[in-house]
Amino acid sequence: MAERKHRELWTIKEVIEYLRLPKSTVNLYVAQGKIPSFKVGRHRRFIPEEVEKAVRKMPA
């Protein structure tokens, strides 16, 4: 049987710590589609590589 590769997922708290932004700003960026995320049940999760890619696209 094929093995599945488990990817690390970040919580909103980890994204906040990584970006050093307030929770309200991260939530705004998520709502605007600037930071991609998805829900697992009631919890929002982020793929670290996608967060980093989104940040690089944002103006300084």
N, C-alpha and C. Protein backbone atom coordinates (compact mmCIF):
# COMPACT_ATOMS: atom_id res chain seq x y z
N MET A 1 0.84 -1.18 0.00
CA MET A 1 0.00 0.00 0.00
C MET A 1 0.89 1.24 0.00
N ALA A 2 0.49 2.25 -0.72
CA ALA A 2 1.29 3.47 -0.82
C ALA A 2 1.29 4.24 0.49
N GLU A 3 2.45 4.80 0.82
CA GLU A 3 2.57 5.60 2.03
C GLU A 3 2.10 7.02 1.75
N ARG A 4 1.43 7.60 2.72
CA ARG A 4 1.02 9.00 2.60
C ARG A 4 2.03 9.86 3.31
N LYS A 5 2.36 10.95 2.67
CA LYS A 5 3.29 11.89 3.28
C LYS A 5 2.48 12.87 4.12
N HIS A 6 2.81 12.98 5.39
CA HIS A 6 2.10 13.90 6.27
C HIS A 6 2.80 15.25 6.23
N ARG A 7 2.03 16.27 5.93
CA ARG A 7 2.57 17.63 5.87
C ARG A 7 2.27 18.32 7.18
N GLU A 8 3.18 19.19 7.55
CA GLU A 8 2.97 20.01 8.73
C GLU A 8 1.93 21.07 8.41
N LEU A 9 1.02 21.30 9.32
CA LEU A 9 0.03 22.36 9.18
C LEU A 9 0.17 23.31 10.35
N TRP A 10 -0.02 24.59 10.09
CA TRP A 10 0.04 25.60 11.14
C TRP A 10 -1.35 25.97 11.60
N THR A 11 -1.45 26.35 12.86
CA THR A 11 -2.66 26.92 13.42
C THR A 11 -2.61 28.43 13.22
N ILE A 12 -3.71 29.10 13.50
CA ILE A 12 -3.73 30.56 13.40
C ILE A 12 -2.69 31.17 14.35
N LYS A 13 -2.53 30.56 15.51
CA LYS A 13 -1.56 31.07 16.49
C LYS A 13 -0.14 31.00 15.93
N GLU A 14 0.18 29.93 15.25
CA GLU A 14 1.52 29.79 14.66
C GLU A 14 1.75 30.79 13.53
N VAL A 15 0.71 31.07 12.75
CA VAL A 15 0.83 32.07 11.68
C VAL A 15 1.05 33.45 12.29
N ILE A 16 0.30 33.76 13.35
CA ILE A 16 0.45 35.05 14.05
C ILE A 16 1.88 35.22 14.56
N GLU A 17 2.41 34.16 15.18
CA GLU A 17 3.78 34.22 15.71
C GLU A 17 4.80 34.36 14.58
N TYR A 18 4.60 33.64 13.49
CA TYR A 18 5.53 33.69 12.36
C TYR A 18 5.55 35.07 11.71
N LEU A 19 4.36 35.63 11.49
CA LEU A 19 4.25 36.92 10.80
C LEU A 19 4.42 38.11 11.73
N ARG A 20 4.30 37.86 13.03
CA ARG A 20 4.36 38.93 14.04
C ARG A 20 3.32 40.01 13.75
N LEU A 21 2.11 39.54 13.50
CA LEU A 21 0.99 40.43 13.22
C LEU A 21 -0.13 40.15 14.22
N PRO A 22 -1.00 41.14 14.45
CA PRO A 22 -2.15 40.89 15.32
C PRO A 22 -3.11 39.88 14.68
N LYS A 23 -3.85 39.20 15.53
CA LYS A 23 -4.81 38.20 15.05
C LYS A 23 -5.82 38.83 14.09
N SER A 24 -6.24 40.05 14.39
CA SER A 24 -7.23 40.71 13.53
C SER A 24 -6.69 40.93 12.12
N THR A 25 -5.41 41.24 12.00
CA THR A 25 -4.80 41.45 10.68
C THR A 25 -4.70 40.13 9.92
N VAL A 26 -4.29 39.08 10.61
CA VAL A 26 -4.21 37.76 9.95
C VAL A 26 -5.60 37.33 9.50
N ASN A 27 -6.61 37.52 10.35
CA ASN A 27 -7.98 37.16 9.98
C ASN A 27 -8.45 37.98 8.77
N LEU A 28 -8.08 39.25 8.71
CA LEU A 28 -8.44 40.09 7.58
C LEU A 28 -7.79 39.57 6.30
N TYR A 29 -6.50 39.24 6.37
CA TYR A 29 -5.80 38.72 5.20
C TYR A 29 -6.41 37.40 4.73
N VAL A 30 -6.83 36.57 5.67
CA VAL A 30 -7.49 35.31 5.31
C VAL A 30 -8.81 35.61 4.61
N ALA A 31 -9.61 36.51 5.18
CA ALA A 31 -10.91 36.87 4.60
C ALA A 31 -10.75 37.47 3.21
N GLN A 32 -9.68 38.22 2.99
CA GLN A 32 -9.41 38.84 1.69
C GLN A 32 -8.77 37.87 0.70
N GLY A 33 -8.42 36.69 1.17
CA GLY A 33 -7.79 35.70 0.30
C GLY A 33 -6.30 35.92 0.11
N LYS A 34 -5.71 36.81 0.90
CA LYS A 34 -4.27 37.08 0.78
C LYS A 34 -3.43 35.97 1.39
N ILE A 35 -3.96 35.31 2.41
CA ILE A 35 -3.28 34.17 3.03
C ILE A 35 -4.20 32.96 2.86
N PRO A 36 -3.76 31.96 2.10
CA PRO A 36 -4.61 30.79 1.89
C PRO A 36 -4.71 29.93 3.14
N SER A 37 -5.89 29.37 3.35
CA SER A 37 -6.11 28.48 4.49
C SER A 37 -7.27 27.57 4.16
N PHE A 38 -7.51 26.61 5.03
CA PHE A 38 -8.66 25.73 4.89
C PHE A 38 -9.11 25.31 6.28
N LYS A 39 -10.31 24.78 6.35
CA LYS A 39 -10.84 24.39 7.64
C LYS A 39 -10.80 22.88 7.79
N VAL A 40 -10.44 22.45 8.99
CA VAL A 40 -10.50 21.05 9.39
C VAL A 40 -11.49 21.04 10.55
N GLY A 41 -12.70 20.62 10.26
CA GLY A 41 -13.75 20.75 11.27
C GLY A 41 -14.04 22.23 11.49
N ARG A 42 -13.92 22.67 12.73
CA ARG A 42 -14.14 24.08 13.05
C ARG A 42 -12.84 24.88 13.10
N HIS A 43 -11.73 24.24 12.84
CA HIS A 43 -10.42 24.86 13.00
C HIS A 43 -9.79 25.21 11.66
N ARG A 44 -9.22 26.40 11.58
CA ARG A 44 -8.54 26.86 10.37
C ARG A 44 -7.09 26.39 10.40
N ARG A 45 -6.61 25.88 9.28
CA ARG A 45 -5.23 25.41 9.17
C ARG A 45 -4.56 26.05 7.97
N PHE A 46 -3.24 26.13 8.06
CA PHE A 46 -2.43 26.80 7.05
C PHE A 46 -1.26 25.89 6.66
N ILE A 47 -0.93 25.88 5.38
CA ILE A 47 0.25 25.16 4.90
C ILE A 47 1.40 26.17 4.95
N PRO A 48 2.44 25.89 5.74
CA PRO A 48 3.53 26.86 5.93
C PRO A 48 4.10 27.41 4.63
N GLU A 49 4.32 26.56 3.65
CA GLU A 49 4.89 27.02 2.38
C GLU A 49 3.97 28.02 1.69
N GLU A 50 2.66 27.80 1.80
CA GLU A 50 1.69 28.71 1.18
C GLU A 50 1.66 30.06 1.89
N VAL A 51 1.82 30.04 3.22
CA VAL A 51 1.87 31.29 3.98
C VAL A 51 3.11 32.08 3.56
N GLU A 52 4.25 31.41 3.49
CA GLU A 52 5.49 32.07 3.10
C GLU A 52 5.39 32.64 1.68
N LYS A 53 4.79 31.89 0.77
CA LYS A 53 4.62 32.35 -0.61
C LYS A 53 3.70 33.58 -0.65
N ALA A 54 2.63 33.57 0.13
CA ALA A 54 1.70 34.71 0.17
C ALA A 54 2.38 35.96 0.71
N VAL A 55 3.23 35.79 1.72
CA VAL A 55 3.93 36.93 2.32
C VAL A 55 4.90 37.55 1.32
N ARG A 56 5.57 36.73 0.54
CA ARG A 56 6.50 37.24 -0.46
C ARG A 56 5.79 38.07 -1.53
N LYS A 57 4.52 37.76 -1.80
CA LYS A 57 3.75 38.48 -2.82
C LYS A 57 3.21 39.81 -2.30
N MET A 58 3.15 39.98 -0.98
CA MET A 58 2.59 41.20 -0.39
C MET A 58 3.58 42.36 -0.53
N PRO A 59 3.05 43.57 -0.78
CA PRO A 59 3.95 44.73 -0.84
C PRO A 59 4.56 45.00 0.53
N ALA A 60 5.75 45.52 0.55
CA ALA A 60 6.47 45.78 1.81
C ALA A 60 5.86 46.88 2.62
